[in-house]
Amino acid sequence: MITAFIDFKSLECFLAINPILKLAADCSTAVIWQPYRSKERALPTQVVSESVTQTHHRVRAESESRLHQKYATLRGLDIDPSRGHVDTDDALLWLATLEGDSSSFVSRLFAAHWIDHTDINDPTFLEELMANRGLTRIGNTVDLDSIERQAEEKGVFDAPTFFIEEQMFMGRAHIPLMRQLLTARGDY
């Protein structure tokens, strides 16, 4: 089983969805989707007397942004980076209350947010999507802060983060290693 901590407004998470779903299908394992609000890192601006640390942070943030856009373009996705600033907390709350395999729900929400520019916090949209996927809600009261504190106790500090049992994998770059682990264990 793969536990995936995701945030719908994270382009890194969106780019990880299809590879994680393929990994799960190839290895016949389930994915448990958990909400985790990613920590937005603003692109630092260059200043006249920039320290080495400030330069490092600025160059790294700019590089990560360009890399995400590059991978989106390679997949034929026309991504508007401003979608990363749109609040998706209500959709994350819905995710936390779903019962059943929510993989198609998650996949559709990412596409709706990043490709269709849909308001995925809209309760009518969420209700229809949930019903179309045969899912039910186990309650309406969820505290994202509490869910995130529990995740942070396990070591989560950003999304996407994946777990196979107690082993943590931060970011989509580790999906090939996750495949090796699942294959070696015979989880397919």
C-alpha atoms as a PDB file:
ATOM      1  CA  MET A   1       0.000   0.000   0.000  1.00  0.00           C
ATOM      2  CA  ILE A   2       1.132   3.538  -0.806  1.00  0.00           C
ATOM      3  CA  THR A   3       0.064   6.439   1.389  1.00  0.00           C
ATOM      4  CA  ALA A   4       0.251   9.699  -0.552  1.00  0.00           C
ATOM      5  CA  PHE A   5       0.140  13.138   1.064  1.00  0.00           C
ATOM      6  CA  ILE A   6      -0.969  15.622  -1.594  1.00  0.00           C
ATOM      7  CA  ASP A   7      -2.133  19.167  -2.173  1.00  0.00           C
ATOM      8  CA  PHE A   8      -4.257  20.025  -5.208  1.00  0.00           C
ATOM      9  CA  LYS A   9      -2.599  23.422  -5.663  1.00  0.00           C
ATOM     10  CA  SER A  10       0.869  21.842  -5.891  1.00  0.00           C
ATOM     11  CA  LEU A  11       2.149  21.423  -9.454  1.00  0.00           C
ATOM     12  CA  GLU A  12       4.683  18.913  -8.127  1.00  0.00           C
ATOM     13  CA  CYS A  13       1.771  16.821  -6.800  1.00  0.00           C
ATOM     14  CA  PHE A  14      -0.133  17.116 -10.089  1.00  0.00           C
ATOM     15  CA  LEU A  15       2.914  15.904 -12.009  1.00  0.00           C
ATOM     16  CA  ALA A  16       3.221  12.931  -9.620  1.00  0.00           C
ATOM     17  CA  ILE A  17      -0.377  11.696  -9.924  1.00  0.00           C
ATOM     18  CA  ASN A  18      -0.178   9.694 -13.154  1.00  0.00           C
ATOM     19  CA  PRO A  19       3.172   8.053 -12.285  1.00  0.00           C
ATOM     20  CA  ILE A  20       1.877   7.069  -8.829  1.00  0.00           C
ATOM     21  CA  LEU A  21      -1.353   5.680 -10.285  1.00  0.00           C
ATOM     22  CA  LYS A  22       0.664   3.695 -12.848  1.00  0.00           C
ATOM     23  CA  LEU A  23       2.964   2.396 -10.114  1.00  0.00           C
ATOM     24  CA  ALA A  24      -0.015   1.322  -8.008  1.00  0.00           C
ATOM     25  CA  ALA A  25      -1.669  -0.408 -10.984  1.00  0.00           C
ATOM     26  CA  ASP A  26       1.554  -2.149 -12.064  1.00  0.00           C
ATOM     27  CA  CYS A  27       2.206  -3.399  -8.540  1.00  0.00           C
ATOM     28  CA  SER A  28      -1.450  -4.146  -7.734  1.00  0.00           C
ATOM     29  CA  THR A  29      -1.362  -1.993  -4.646  1.00  0.00           C
ATOM     30  CA  ALA A  30      -3.758   0.566  -3.255  1.00  0.00           C
ATOM     31  CA  VAL A  31      -3.112   4.261  -2.784  1.00  0.00           C
ATOM     32  CA  ILE A  32      -4.465   5.977   0.304  1.00  0.00           C
ATOM     33  CA  TRP A  33      -4.720   9.706  -0.414  1.00  0.00           C
ATOM     34  CA  GLN A  34      -4.166  12.110   2.459  1.00  0.00           C
ATOM     35  CA  PRO A  35      -4.457  15.908   2.437  1.00  0.00           C
ATOM     36  CA  TYR A  36      -1.422  18.011   3.255  1.00  0.00           C
ATOM     37  CA  ARG A  37      -1.179  21.687   2.433  1.00  0.00           C
ATOM     38  CA  SER A  38       2.090  22.281   0.648  1.00  0.00           C
ATOM     39  CA  LYS A  39       4.262  25.077   1.863  1.00  0.00           C
ATOM     40  CA  GLU A  40       4.443  27.732  -0.813  1.00  0.00           C
ATOM     41  CA  ARG A  41       7.918  29.038  -1.328  1.00  0.00           C
ATOM     42  CA  ALA A  42       7.893  32.439  -2.897  1.00  0.00           C
ATOM     43  CA  LEU A  43      10.547  33.088  -5.486  1.00  0.00           C
ATOM     44  CA  PRO A  44      13.085  35.272  -3.708  1.00  0.00           C
ATOM     45  CA  THR A  45      14.114  38.422  -5.508  1.00  0.00           C
ATOM     46  CA  GLN A  46      17.694  39.352  -6.139  1.00  0.00           C
ATOM     47  CA  VAL A  47      18.991  42.137  -3.921  1.00  0.00           C
ATOM     48  CA  VAL A  48      22.117  44.273  -4.199  1.00  0.00           C
ATOM     49  CA  SER A  49      23.963  42.739  -1.254  1.00  0.00           C
ATOM     50  CA  GLU A  50      22.664  39.185  -1.560  1.00  0.00           C
ATOM     51  CA  SER A  51      24.358  36.648   0.723  1.00  0.00           C
ATOM     52  CA  VAL A  52      25.497  33.261  -0.532  1.00  0.00           C
ATOM     53  CA  THR A  53      22.533  31.680   1.262  1.00  0.00           C
ATOM     54  CA  GLN A  54      20.062  34.112  -0.291  1.00  0.00           C
ATOM     55  CA  THR A  55      21.564  33.466  -3.739  1.00  0.00           C
ATOM     56  CA  HIS A  56      21.291  29.723  -3.190  1.00  0.00           C
ATOM     57  CA  HIS A  57      17.624  29.940  -2.149  1.00  0.00           C
ATOM     58  CA  ARG A  58      16.724  32.224  -5.044  1.00  0.00           C
ATOM     59  CA  VAL A  59      18.513  30.137  -7.685  1.00  0.00           C
ATOM     60  CA  ARG A  60      17.086  26.889  -6.314  1.00  0.00           C
ATOM     61  CA  ALA A  61      13.506  28.197  -6.213  1.00  0.00           C
ATOM     62  CA  GLU A  62      13.798  29.566  -9.754  1.00  0.00           C
ATOM     63  CA  SER A  63      15.263  26.262 -10.947  1.00  0.00           C
ATOM     64  CA  GLU A  64      12.489  24.203  -9.325  1.00  0.00           C
ATOM     65  CA  SER A  65       9.848  26.395 -10.932  1.00  0.00           C
ATOM     66  CA  ARG A  66      11.433  26.081 -14.389  1.00  0.00           C
ATOM     67  CA  LEU A  67      11.839  22.319 -13.948  1.00  0.00           C
ATOM     68  CA  HIS A  68       8.156  21.834 -13.029  1.00  0.00           C
ATOM     69  CA  GLN A  69       7.104  23.893 -16.046  1.00  0.00           C
ATOM     70  CA  LYS A  70       9.465  21.895 -18.282  1.00  0.00           C
ATOM     71  CA  TYR A  71       7.999  18.552 -17.182  1.00  0.00           C
ATOM     72  CA  ALA A  72       4.480  19.871 -17.613  1.00  0.00           C
ATOM     73  CA  THR A  73       5.336  21.030 -21.137  1.00  0.00           C
ATOM     74  CA  LEU A  74       6.950  17.662 -21.957  1.00  0.00           C
ATOM     75  CA  ARG A  75       3.655  16.022 -21.015  1.00  0.00           C
ATOM     76  CA  GLY A  76       1.793  18.386 -23.312  1.00  0.00           C
ATOM     77  CA  LEU A  77       0.245  20.311 -20.435  1.00  0.00           C
ATOM     78  CA  ASP A  78      -0.321  24.031 -20.750  1.00  0.00           C
ATOM     79  CA  ILE A  79       0.060  25.055 -17.126  1.00  0.00           C
ATOM     80  CA  ASP A  80      -0.770  28.431 -15.645  1.00  0.00           C
ATOM     81  CA  PRO A  81       1.614  28.792 -12.672  1.00  0.00           C
ATOM     82  CA  SER A  82      -0.835  31.116 -10.901  1.00  0.00           C
ATOM     83  CA  ARG A  83      -3.033  28.044 -10.215  1.00  0.00           C
ATOM     84  CA  GLY A  84      -0.519  27.212  -7.488  1.00  0.00           C
ATOM     85  CA  HIS A  85      -1.794  30.227  -5.537  1.00  0.00           C
ATOM     86  CA  VAL A  86      -5.476  29.245  -5.646  1.00  0.00           C
ATOM     87  CA  ASP A  87      -6.885  27.990  -2.351  1.00  0.00           C
ATOM     88  CA  THR A  88      -7.947  24.327  -2.525  1.00  0.00           C
ATOM     89  CA  ASP A  89      -8.473  23.669   1.197  1.00  0.00           C
ATOM     90  CA  ASP A  90     -12.170  22.767   0.873  1.00  0.00           C
ATOM     91  CA  ALA A  91     -11.323  20.075  -1.700  1.00  0.00           C
ATOM     92  CA  LEU A  92      -8.646  18.761   0.668  1.00  0.00           C
ATOM     93  CA  LEU A  93     -11.236  18.622   3.455  1.00  0.00           C
ATOM     94  CA  TRP A  94     -13.524  16.569   1.197  1.00  0.00           C
ATOM     95  CA  LEU A  95     -10.680  14.194   0.403  1.00  0.00           C
ATOM     96  CA  ALA A  96     -10.150  13.578   4.113  1.00  0.00           C
ATOM     97  CA  THR A  97     -13.794  12.526   4.549  1.00  0.00           C
ATOM     98  CA  LEU A  98     -14.113  10.094   1.642  1.00  0.00           C
ATOM     99  CA  GLU A  99     -14.689   6.395   2.047  1.00  0.00           C
ATOM    100  CA  GLY A 100     -13.594   4.049  -0.732  1.00  0.00           C
ATOM    101  CA  ASP A 101     -10.961   4.137  -3.471  1.00  0.00           C
ATOM    102  CA  SER A 102     -10.606   7.846  -4.145  1.00  0.00           C
ATOM    103  CA  SER A 103      -7.910   7.604  -6.843  1.00  0.00           C
ATOM    104  CA  SER A 104     -10.170   8.631  -9.722  1.00  0.00           C
ATOM    105  CA  PHE A 105     -11.604  11.437  -7.572  1.00  0.00           C
ATOM    106  CA  VAL A 106      -8.093  12.737  -6.851  1.00  0.00           C
ATOM    107  CA  SER A 107      -7.002  12.447 -10.468  1.00  0.00           C
ATOM    108  CA  ARG A 108     -10.070  14.320 -11.711  1.00  0.00           C
ATOM    109  CA  LEU A 109      -9.666  17.080  -9.105  1.00  0.00           C
ATOM    110  CA  PHE A 110      -6.086  17.704 -10.198  1.00  0.00           C
ATOM    111  CA  ALA A 111      -7.133  17.894 -13.861  1.00  0.00           C
ATOM    112  CA  ALA A 112     -10.068  20.144 -13.001  1.00  0.00           C
ATOM    113  CA  HIS A 113      -7.814  22.518 -11.077  1.00  0.00           C
ATOM    114  CA  TRP A 114      -4.761  22.638 -13.353  1.00  0.00           C
ATOM    115  CA  ILE A 115      -6.224  22.004 -16.817  1.00  0.00           C
ATOM    116  CA  ASP A 116      -9.871  23.111 -16.686  1.00  0.00           C
ATOM    117  CA  HIS A 117      -9.339  25.955 -14.178  1.00  0.00           C
ATOM    118  CA  THR A 118     -12.403  24.789 -12.255  1.00  0.00           C
ATOM    119  CA  ASP A 119     -13.186  25.949  -8.733  1.00  0.00           C
ATOM    120  CA  ILE A 120     -12.597  22.607  -7.026  1.00  0.00           C
ATOM    121  CA  ASN A 121     -13.798  24.021  -3.704  1.00  0.00           C
ATOM    122  CA  ASP A 122     -17.327  24.286  -5.139  1.00  0.00           C
ATOM    123  CA  PRO A 123     -19.513  21.911  -3.039  1.00  0.00           C
ATOM    124  CA  THR A 124     -21.802  21.158  -6.010  1.00  0.00           C
ATOM    125  CA  PHE A 125     -18.825  20.136  -8.141  1.00  0.00           C
ATOM    126  CA  LEU A 126     -17.384  18.017  -5.315  1.00  0.00           C
ATOM    127  CA  GLU A 127     -20.749  16.350  -4.614  1.00  0.00           C
ATOM    128  CA  GLU A 128     -21.258  15.432  -8.286  1.00  0.00           C
ATOM    129  CA  LEU A 129     -17.706  14.167  -8.647  1.00  0.00           C
ATOM    130  CA  MET A 130     -18.015  12.075  -5.512  1.00  0.00           C
ATOM    131  CA  ALA A 131     -21.354  10.602  -6.623  1.00  0.00           C
ATOM    132  CA  ASN A 132     -20.003   9.844 -10.122  1.00  0.00           C
ATOM    133  CA  ARG A 133     -17.105   7.938  -8.540  1.00  0.00           C
ATOM    134  CA  GLY A 134     -19.339   5.907  -6.200  1.00  0.00           C
ATOM    135  CA  LEU A 135     -17.777   7.420  -3.092  1.00  0.00           C
ATOM    136  CA  THR A 136     -19.377   8.397   0.186  1.00  0.00           C
ATOM    137  CA  ARG A 137     -18.370  10.813   2.906  1.00  0.00           C
ATOM    138  CA  ILE A 138     -17.831   9.477   6.403  1.00  0.00           C
ATOM    139  CA  GLY A 139     -18.370  12.876   7.995  1.00  0.00           C
ATOM    140  CA  ASN A 140     -18.223  16.569   7.342  1.00  0.00           C
ATOM    141  CA  THR A 141     -16.069  17.684  10.245  1.00  0.00           C
ATOM    142  CA  VAL A 142     -12.366  17.412   9.583  1.00  0.00           C
ATOM    143  CA  ASP A 143      -9.522  19.463  10.968  1.00  0.00           C
ATOM    144  CA  LEU A 144      -6.721  19.856   8.393  1.00  0.00           C
ATOM    145  CA  ASP A 145      -4.380  21.229  11.058  1.00  0.00           C
ATOM    146  CA  SER A 146      -4.793  18.047  13.099  1.00  0.00           C
ATOM    147  CA  ILE A 147      -4.245  15.825  10.047  1.00  0.00           C
ATOM    148  CA  GLU A 148      -1.119  17.798   9.179  1.00  0.00           C
ATOM    149  CA  ARG A 149       0.252  17.598  12.731  1.00  0.00           C
ATOM    150  CA  GLN A 150      -0.123  13.798  12.619  1.00  0.00           C
ATOM    151  CA  ALA A 151       1.615  13.721   9.237  1.00  0.00           C
ATOM    152  CA  GLU A 152       4.438  15.910  10.541  1.00  0.00           C
ATOM    153  CA  GLU A 153       4.930  13.512  13.452  1.00  0.00           C
ATOM    154  CA  LYS A 154       5.697  10.902  10.777  1.00  0.00           C
ATOM    155  CA  GLY A 155       8.198  13.263   9.125  1.00  0.00           C
ATOM    156  CA  VAL A 156       6.065  14.902   6.419  1.00  0.00           C
ATOM    157  CA  PHE A 157       7.006  18.523   5.748  1.00  0.00           C
ATOM    158  CA  ASP A 158       5.727  19.125   2.213  1.00  0.00           C
ATOM    159  CA  ALA A 159       3.688  17.530  -0.541  1.00  0.00           C
ATOM    160  CA  PRO A 160       3.927  15.238  -2.333  1.00  0.00           C
ATOM    161  CA  THR A 161       5.214  12.783   0.224  1.00  0.00           C
ATOM    162  CA  PHE A 162       4.687   9.048  -0.099  1.00  0.00           C
ATOM    163  CA  PHE A 163       4.964   6.195   2.368  1.00  0.00           C
ATOM    164  CA  ILE A 164       5.355   2.492   1.781  1.00  0.00           C
ATOM    165  CA  GLU A 165       4.872   1.107   5.267  1.00  0.00           C
ATOM    166  CA  GLU A 166       7.105   3.363   7.388  1.00  0.00           C
ATOM    167  CA  GLN A 167       9.531   4.305   4.606  1.00  0.00           C
ATOM    168  CA  MET A 168       9.077   7.910   3.468  1.00  0.00           C
ATOM    169  CA  PHE A 169       9.684   9.259  -0.049  1.00  0.00           C
ATOM    170  CA  MET A 170       9.602  13.022  -0.572  1.00  0.00           C
ATOM    171  CA  GLY A 171       8.736  14.165  -4.095  1.00  0.00           C
ATOM    172  CA  ARG A 172       8.047  12.439  -7.365  1.00  0.00           C
ATOM    173  CA  ALA A 173      11.735  11.860  -8.122  1.00  0.00           C
ATOM    174  CA  HIS A 174      11.607   8.838  -5.799  1.00  0.00           C
ATOM    175  CA  ILE A 175       8.883   6.960  -7.679  1.00  0.00           C
ATOM    176  CA  PRO A 176      11.432   4.663  -9.439  1.00  0.00           C
ATOM    177  CA  LEU A 177      12.883   3.746  -6.027  1.00  0.00           C
ATOM    178  CA  MET A 178       9.371   3.086  -4.741  1.00  0.00           C
ATOM    179  CA  ARG A 179       8.833   0.749  -7.714  1.00  0.00           C
ATOM    180  CA  GLN A 180      12.024  -1.137  -6.830  1.00  0.00           C
ATOM    181  CA  LEU A 181      10.913  -1.483  -3.228  1.00  0.00           C
ATOM    182  CA  LEU A 182       7.421  -2.728  -4.118  1.00  0.00           C
ATOM    183  CA  THR A 183       8.808  -5.127  -6.745  1.00  0.00           C
ATOM    184  CA  ALA A 184      11.459  -6.513  -4.372  1.00  0.00           C
ATOM    185  CA  ARG A 185       8.832  -7.106  -1.704  1.00  0.00           C
ATOM    186  CA  GLY A 186       6.557  -8.840  -4.178  1.00  0.00           C
ATOM    187  CA  ASP A 187       3.669  -6.398  -3.689  1.00  0.00           C
ATOM    188  CA  TYR A 188       2.480  -6.925  -7.228  1.00  0.00           C
END
